Every structure is written in C-alpha cells, then in structure tokens.
Amino acid sequence: MHRYNTDYPPLRDMPQIIAASWRMFCVILGGITNNTHVEFVKMIKSYGHTEVMDPEGCDYCLLFCPITSRVGTDVELALRKIPGNKPTILVVMYHTFNINHVVPESSRLTEDPRVHLTVSCLFYEQNLLNSAYNVKAKNEIMEFLGLSQNLLSNRRNPLSIRRCDRKHLIFLGVGLLVFFIVLLIILTNIN
C-alpha cells in the first residue's frame, strides 16, 4: 500500500499563487469609511488592476470593514456582504487619531475561507493616518497581489529608478552613446 504525503500546506497558505493572476476587483464597503478606502483603491489601480462594479465580473473583492462597535461583530457583518465564494482581501479599518493605536492581529480576525488576506489600517475623519499599520497594510496587499514592494517605496522618491523606467534609461544611454560617436567622427573629420 502506498503512503501518500499528507504534509501539503493548506490552500489558504498559498494565496500568492492564485492572487498573481488576479487583475479585476470589486470594492465592498462594510460600513462608512469616509472615503479613506479610496487611497487603497487608487494604489491598486495604479498597478494595472481594474475596478469593476459587478462582483460577478471580478477576480477578487476588496472588502473594507470600519470598526464601529466590536471587532468580531463588525467583521462578521462585513463578511456577509461578500458575494458568493469570491476571494477577498479584508481591510479592517480602525477610526482613531492615535498613530500608535494598538489593534488585534488582523490575521486572527476571521477564518472564512473566502478571505485570503486580512490587514489592519488606521484612519481619522477622511484620511488614513501616517502610521506603521498603514504602511504594513499597503505592503502586504502589494506583496500578496504579486506587485513589487520596491515600486511602492520608489513612488515616494522621485529620484529613484522604477523597473519600468529602466528600458527608457537604456534607450537613452544607447542614444547618447550613438550621438557622441557621431559627434566624435564629425570633429575628427573637421581637423
């Protein structure tokens, strides 16, 4: 009798393989976000992902869950808004003015198999706070979707070279090299 290897990692632990092919997403609001969720949406769209209004036409859902009472209750209510078995990224949003506000470990908030990634963020009024939680949330989403974290950090530094700009720099470098060679030939023929 053959013994089969049962040490396979659960599918839930391998979402990056699936997520790398996701391109179209649907936004679901589990409560009032004061439009702070838009910053996450813009970030994802800036890397070529497309927001669609029809959940049937999306690859995954981006569920924003602002906490208004108890974390567990609010998360469970928000999860009910996920259409069918759509894979979902859950963004748990805490309304606070304190950038050092301590929140529960987001990965422990739900065991719903439709939720492939859970992140936490802090917001106040209409703005995301400049906090480590928000940076971590953005980086985890980008990594999960197979988008380079370096691109995210390079956007803040205009002097840094993004991957898509390297082709342009190579083209520019070759063009300058050709220009100087032609200039050198012309100058040597003049003398």
C-alpha atoms as a PDB file:
ATOM      1  CA  MET A   1       0.000   0.000   0.000  1.00  0.00           C
ATOM      2  CA  HIS A   2       1.317   3.441  -0.956  1.00  0.00           C
ATOM      3  CA  ARG A   3       1.675   6.081   1.659  1.00  0.00           C
ATOM      4  CA  TYR A   4       0.671   9.450   0.341  1.00  0.00           C
ATOM      5  CA  ASN A   5       2.315  12.585   1.557  1.00  0.00           C
ATOM      6  CA  THR A   6      -0.194  14.459   3.668  1.00  0.00           C
ATOM      7  CA  ASP A   7       2.190  17.273   4.569  1.00  0.00           C
ATOM      8  CA  TYR A   8       0.746  19.557   1.923  1.00  0.00           C
ATOM      9  CA  PRO A   9       0.319  23.147   3.020  1.00  0.00           C
ATOM     10  CA  PRO A  10      -3.324  24.193   3.145  1.00  0.00           C
ATOM     11  CA  LEU A  11      -4.588  26.116   0.132  1.00  0.00           C
ATOM     12  CA  ARG A  12      -5.206  29.078   2.421  1.00  0.00           C
ATOM     13  CA  ASP A  13      -1.424  29.303   2.994  1.00  0.00           C
ATOM     14  CA  MET A  14      -0.727  29.545  -0.749  1.00  0.00           C
ATOM     15  CA  PRO A  15      -2.843  32.501  -1.913  1.00  0.00           C
ATOM     16  CA  GLN A  16       0.012  34.270  -3.723  1.00  0.00           C
ATOM     17  CA  ILE A  17      -0.079  31.700  -6.496  1.00  0.00           C
ATOM     18  CA  ILE A  18      -3.722  32.497  -7.179  1.00  0.00           C
ATOM     19  CA  ALA A  19      -3.505  36.208  -6.442  1.00  0.00           C
ATOM     20  CA  ALA A  20      -0.763  36.804  -9.003  1.00  0.00           C
ATOM     21  CA  SER A  21      -3.321  36.182 -11.760  1.00  0.00           C
ATOM     22  CA  TRP A  22      -5.968  38.465 -10.261  1.00  0.00           C
ATOM     23  CA  ARG A  23      -6.469  41.714 -12.189  1.00  0.00           C
ATOM     24  CA  MET A  24     -10.092  42.837 -11.733  1.00  0.00           C
ATOM     25  CA  PHE A  25     -11.523  43.705  -8.346  1.00  0.00           C
ATOM     26  CA  CYS A  26     -14.761  44.878  -6.806  1.00  0.00           C
ATOM     27  CA  VAL A  27     -14.909  47.200  -3.789  1.00  0.00           C
ATOM     28  CA  ILE A  28     -17.303  46.293  -0.984  1.00  0.00           C
ATOM     29  CA  LEU A  29     -17.876  48.667   1.909  1.00  0.00           C
ATOM     30  CA  GLY A  30     -18.819  47.082   5.202  1.00  0.00           C
ATOM     31  CA  GLY A  31     -19.642  50.465   6.702  1.00  0.00           C
ATOM     32  CA  ILE A  32     -18.826  54.161   6.486  1.00  0.00           C
ATOM     33  CA  THR A  33     -15.159  54.685   5.572  1.00  0.00           C
ATOM     34  CA  ASN A  34     -15.345  58.460   4.971  1.00  0.00           C
ATOM     35  CA  ASN A  35     -13.798  57.632   1.567  1.00  0.00           C
ATOM     36  CA  THR A  36     -10.480  56.706   3.163  1.00  0.00           C
ATOM     37  CA  HIS A  37     -10.661  53.397   1.282  1.00  0.00           C
ATOM     38  CA  VAL A  38     -10.101  55.318  -1.962  1.00  0.00           C
ATOM     39  CA  GLU A  39      -6.362  55.576  -1.252  1.00  0.00           C
ATOM     40  CA  PHE A  40      -6.064  51.765  -1.278  1.00  0.00           C
ATOM     41  CA  VAL A  41      -8.171  51.555  -4.447  1.00  0.00           C
ATOM     42  CA  LYS A  42      -6.016  54.150  -6.240  1.00  0.00           C
ATOM     43  CA  MET A  43      -2.849  52.342  -5.193  1.00  0.00           C
ATOM     44  CA  ILE A  44      -4.057  49.022  -6.606  1.00  0.00           C
ATOM     45  CA  LYS A  45      -5.400  50.618  -9.794  1.00  0.00           C
ATOM     46  CA  SER A  46      -2.075  52.386 -10.367  1.00  0.00           C
ATOM     47  CA  TYR A  47      -0.501  48.969 -10.942  1.00  0.00           C
ATOM     48  CA  GLY A  48      -2.879  47.936 -13.693  1.00  0.00           C
ATOM     49  CA  HIS A  49      -5.685  46.344 -11.716  1.00  0.00           C
ATOM     50  CA  THR A  50      -9.190  47.325 -12.791  1.00  0.00           C
ATOM     51  CA  GLU A  51     -12.076  48.147 -10.516  1.00  0.00           C
ATOM     52  CA  VAL A  52     -15.388  46.729 -11.717  1.00  0.00           C
ATOM     53  CA  MET A  53     -18.813  47.435 -10.278  1.00  0.00           C
ATOM     54  CA  ASP A  54     -20.280  43.976 -10.907  1.00  0.00           C
ATOM     55  CA  PRO A  55     -18.996  41.393  -8.413  1.00  0.00           C
ATOM     56  CA  GLU A  56     -19.624  38.635 -10.965  1.00  0.00           C
ATOM     57  CA  GLY A  57     -17.045  40.177 -13.302  1.00  0.00           C
ATOM     58  CA  CYS A  58     -14.231  40.468 -10.766  1.00  0.00           C
ATOM     59  CA  ASP A  59     -11.374  38.163  -9.822  1.00  0.00           C
ATOM     60  CA  TYR A  60     -11.404  39.250  -6.193  1.00  0.00           C
ATOM     61  CA  CYS A  61     -13.156  41.575  -3.763  1.00  0.00           C
ATOM     62  CA  LEU A  62     -11.602  44.296  -1.673  1.00  0.00           C
ATOM     63  CA  LEU A  63     -13.722  44.454   1.487  1.00  0.00           C
ATOM     64  CA  PHE A  64     -13.330  47.484   3.753  1.00  0.00           C
ATOM     65  CA  CYS A  65     -14.628  46.971   7.275  1.00  0.00           C
ATOM     66  CA  PRO A  66     -14.608  50.052   9.528  1.00  0.00           C
ATOM     67  CA  ILE A  67     -14.874  49.075  13.177  1.00  0.00           C
ATOM     68  CA  THR A  68     -17.716  50.872  14.950  1.00  0.00           C
ATOM     69  CA  SER A  69     -18.520  48.603  17.876  1.00  0.00           C
ATOM     70  CA  ARG A  70     -16.883  45.238  18.475  1.00  0.00           C
ATOM     71  CA  VAL A  71     -14.243  43.974  16.085  1.00  0.00           C
ATOM     72  CA  GLY A  72     -15.611  40.438  15.800  1.00  0.00           C
ATOM     73  CA  THR A  73     -19.198  41.588  15.277  1.00  0.00           C
ATOM     74  CA  ASP A  74     -18.283  44.211  12.680  1.00  0.00           C
ATOM     75  CA  VAL A  75     -16.064  41.784  10.762  1.00  0.00           C
ATOM     76  CA  GLU A  76     -18.754  39.083  10.727  1.00  0.00           C
ATOM     77  CA  LEU A  77     -21.357  41.569   9.455  1.00  0.00           C
ATOM     78  CA  ALA A  78     -18.990  42.780   6.737  1.00  0.00           C
ATOM     79  CA  LEU A  79     -18.199  39.213   5.637  1.00  0.00           C
ATOM     80  CA  ARG A  80     -21.888  38.696   4.878  1.00  0.00           C
ATOM     81  CA  LYS A  81     -21.530  41.228   2.060  1.00  0.00           C
ATOM     82  CA  ILE A  82     -19.049  39.077   0.132  1.00  0.00           C
ATOM     83  CA  PRO A  83     -20.850  37.811  -2.974  1.00  0.00           C
ATOM     84  CA  GLY A  84     -20.819  34.023  -3.244  1.00  0.00           C
ATOM     85  CA  ASN A  85     -17.397  32.467  -2.954  1.00  0.00           C
ATOM     86  CA  LYS A  86     -15.391  35.398  -4.286  1.00  0.00           C
ATOM     87  CA  PRO A  87     -11.822  35.518  -2.973  1.00  0.00           C
ATOM     88  CA  THR A  88     -11.470  38.565  -0.769  1.00  0.00           C
ATOM     89  CA  ILE A  89      -8.888  40.879   0.735  1.00  0.00           C
ATOM     90  CA  LEU A  90     -10.263  42.190   4.030  1.00  0.00           C
ATOM     91  CA  VAL A  91      -9.122  45.635   5.191  1.00  0.00           C
ATOM     92  CA  VAL A  92     -10.122  46.186   8.825  1.00  0.00           C
ATOM     93  CA  MET A  93     -10.280  49.938   9.486  1.00  0.00           C
ATOM     94  CA  TYR A  94      -9.904  51.465  12.942  1.00  0.00           C
ATOM     95  CA  HIS A  95     -11.098  55.063  13.447  1.00  0.00           C
ATOM     96  CA  THR A  96      -8.619  56.810  15.744  1.00  0.00           C
ATOM     97  CA  PHE A  97      -6.425  59.899  15.848  1.00  0.00           C
ATOM     98  CA  ASN A  98      -3.614  57.960  17.566  1.00  0.00           C
ATOM     99  CA  ILE A  99      -0.979  56.672  15.118  1.00  0.00           C
ATOM    100  CA  ASN A 100       0.245  54.305  17.848  1.00  0.00           C
ATOM    101  CA  HIS A 101      -3.190  52.796  18.469  1.00  0.00           C
ATOM    102  CA  VAL A 102      -2.815  49.066  19.180  1.00  0.00           C
ATOM    103  CA  VAL A 103      -5.113  46.767  17.213  1.00  0.00           C
ATOM    104  CA  PRO A 104      -5.642  42.986  17.301  1.00  0.00           C
ATOM    105  CA  GLU A 105      -3.578  40.810  14.969  1.00  0.00           C
ATOM    106  CA  SER A 106      -5.574  41.053  11.751  1.00  0.00           C
ATOM    107  CA  SER A 107      -4.877  37.517  10.536  1.00  0.00           C
ATOM    108  CA  ARG A 108      -6.728  36.132  13.568  1.00  0.00           C
ATOM    109  CA  LEU A 109      -9.952  38.057  12.997  1.00  0.00           C
ATOM    110  CA  THR A 110     -11.574  35.535  10.672  1.00  0.00           C
ATOM    111  CA  GLU A 111     -11.158  32.022   9.399  1.00  0.00           C
ATOM    112  CA  ASP A 112     -13.551  32.489   6.489  1.00  0.00           C
ATOM    113  CA  PRO A 113     -12.008  30.561   3.553  1.00  0.00           C
ATOM    114  CA  ARG A 114     -13.011  33.322   1.130  1.00  0.00           C
ATOM    115  CA  VAL A 115     -10.703  35.758   2.925  1.00  0.00           C
ATOM    116  CA  HIS A 116      -7.204  35.241   1.551  1.00  0.00           C
ATOM    117  CA  LEU A 117      -5.596  38.231   3.274  1.00  0.00           C
ATOM    118  CA  THR A 118      -6.583  40.401   6.227  1.00  0.00           C
ATOM    119  CA  VAL A 119      -4.837  43.692   7.009  1.00  0.00           C
ATOM    120  CA  SER A 120      -5.478  46.461   9.525  1.00  0.00           C
ATOM    121  CA  CYS A 121      -5.319  50.193   8.967  1.00  0.00           C
ATOM    122  CA  LEU A 122      -5.873  53.354  10.980  1.00  0.00           C
ATOM    123  CA  PHE A 123      -7.857  56.359   9.804  1.00  0.00           C
ATOM    124  CA  TYR A 124      -9.219  59.584  11.210  1.00  0.00           C
ATOM    125  CA  GLU A 125     -12.025  61.567   9.597  1.00  0.00           C
ATOM    126  CA  GLN A 126     -11.278  61.475   5.819  1.00  0.00           C
ATOM    127  CA  ASN A 127      -7.611  60.474   5.969  1.00  0.00           C
ATOM    128  CA  LEU A 128      -5.505  57.419   6.523  1.00  0.00           C
ATOM    129  CA  LEU A 129      -3.035  58.098   9.311  1.00  0.00           C
ATOM    130  CA  ASN A 130       0.682  58.174   8.650  1.00  0.00           C
ATOM    131  CA  SER A 131       1.243  55.023  10.694  1.00  0.00           C
ATOM    132  CA  ALA A 132       3.228  51.819  10.598  1.00  0.00           C
ATOM    133  CA  TYR A 133      -0.038  49.846  10.371  1.00  0.00           C
ATOM    134  CA  ASN A 134      -0.994  51.574   7.133  1.00  0.00           C
ATOM    135  CA  VAL A 135       2.435  51.122   5.565  1.00  0.00           C
ATOM    136  CA  LYS A 136       2.366  47.460   6.566  1.00  0.00           C
ATOM    137  CA  ALA A 137      -1.173  47.035   5.179  1.00  0.00           C
ATOM    138  CA  LYS A 138      -0.234  48.561   1.818  1.00  0.00           C
ATOM    139  CA  ASN A 139       2.945  46.497   1.561  1.00  0.00           C
ATOM    140  CA  GLU A 140       1.125  43.267   2.454  1.00  0.00           C
ATOM    141  CA  ILE A 141      -1.542  43.916  -0.176  1.00  0.00           C
ATOM    142  CA  MET A 142       1.068  44.706  -2.816  1.00  0.00           C
ATOM    143  CA  GLU A 143       3.109  41.623  -1.961  1.00  0.00           C
ATOM    144  CA  PHE A 144       0.017  39.418  -1.879  1.00  0.00           C
ATOM    145  CA  LEU A 145      -1.072  40.612  -5.330  1.00  0.00           C
ATOM    146  CA  GLY A 146       2.411  39.982  -6.714  1.00  0.00           C
ATOM    147  CA  LEU A 147       3.202  43.658  -7.158  1.00  0.00           C
ATOM    148  CA  SER A 148       6.673  44.809  -6.236  1.00  0.00           C
ATOM    149  CA  GLN A 149       7.029  46.486  -2.863  1.00  0.00           C
ATOM    150  CA  ASN A 150      10.005  48.334  -4.290  1.00  0.00           C
ATOM    151  CA  LEU A 151       7.693  50.073  -6.707  1.00  0.00           C
ATOM    152  CA  LEU A 152       5.579  51.250  -3.805  1.00  0.00           C
ATOM    153  CA  SER A 153       8.544  52.745  -1.971  1.00  0.00           C
ATOM    154  CA  ASN A 154      10.054  54.173  -5.163  1.00  0.00           C
ATOM    155  CA  ARG A 155       6.927  56.192  -5.850  1.00  0.00           C
ATOM    156  CA  ARG A 156       7.768  58.347  -2.859  1.00  0.00           C
ATOM    157  CA  ASN A 157      11.277  59.077  -4.095  1.00  0.00           C
ATOM    158  CA  PRO A 158      11.232  60.824  -7.485  1.00  0.00           C
ATOM    159  CA  LEU A 159      14.984  60.284  -7.922  1.00  0.00           C
ATOM    160  CA  SER A 160      14.754  56.504  -7.666  1.00  0.00           C
ATOM    161  CA  ILE A 161      14.561  54.343 -10.767  1.00  0.00           C
ATOM    162  CA  ARG A 162      11.490  52.197 -11.195  1.00  0.00           C
ATOM    163  CA  ARG A 163      11.617  48.968 -13.133  1.00  0.00           C
ATOM    164  CA  CYS A 164       9.537  50.349 -15.994  1.00  0.00           C
ATOM    165  CA  ASP A 165      11.929  53.303 -16.352  1.00  0.00           C
ATOM    166  CA  ARG A 166      14.979  51.099 -16.889  1.00  0.00           C
ATOM    167  CA  LYS A 167      14.061  50.447 -20.524  1.00  0.00           C
ATOM    168  CA  HIS A 168      13.852  54.165 -21.104  1.00  0.00           C
ATOM    169  CA  LEU A 169      17.243  54.719 -19.465  1.00  0.00           C
ATOM    170  CA  ILE A 170      18.842  52.013 -21.585  1.00  0.00           C
ATOM    171  CA  PHE A 171      17.333  53.539 -24.710  1.00  0.00           C
ATOM    172  CA  LEU A 172      18.527  56.994 -23.645  1.00  0.00           C
ATOM    173  CA  GLY A 173      22.016  55.673 -22.864  1.00  0.00           C
ATOM    174  CA  VAL A 174      22.345  53.976 -26.256  1.00  0.00           C
ATOM    175  CA  GLY A 175      21.079  57.136 -27.945  1.00  0.00           C
ATOM    176  CA  LEU A 176      23.636  59.297 -26.141  1.00  0.00           C
ATOM    177  CA  LEU A 177      26.414  56.849 -26.995  1.00  0.00           C
ATOM    178  CA  VAL A 178      25.496  56.992 -30.690  1.00  0.00           C
ATOM    179  CA  PHE A 179      25.303  60.799 -30.520  1.00  0.00           C
ATOM    180  CA  PHE A 180      28.796  61.103 -29.020  1.00  0.00           C
ATOM    181  CA  ILE A 181      30.285  58.648 -31.519  1.00  0.00           C
ATOM    182  CA  VAL A 182      28.785  60.618 -34.424  1.00  0.00           C
ATOM    183  CA  LEU A 183      29.995  63.883 -32.848  1.00  0.00           C
ATOM    184  CA  LEU A 184      33.492  62.422 -32.416  1.00  0.00           C
ATOM    185  CA  ILE A 185      33.568  61.292 -36.064  1.00  0.00           C
ATOM    186  CA  ILE A 186      32.446  64.733 -37.256  1.00  0.00           C
ATOM    187  CA  LEU A 187      35.031  66.525 -35.093  1.00  0.00           C
ATOM    188  CA  THR A 188      37.883  64.261 -36.276  1.00  0.00           C
ATOM    189  CA  ASN A 189      36.911  64.830 -39.938  1.00  0.00           C
ATOM    190  CA  ILE A 190      36.882  68.634 -39.489  1.00  0.00           C
ATOM    191  CA  ASN A 191      40.518  68.706 -38.353  1.00  0.00           C
END
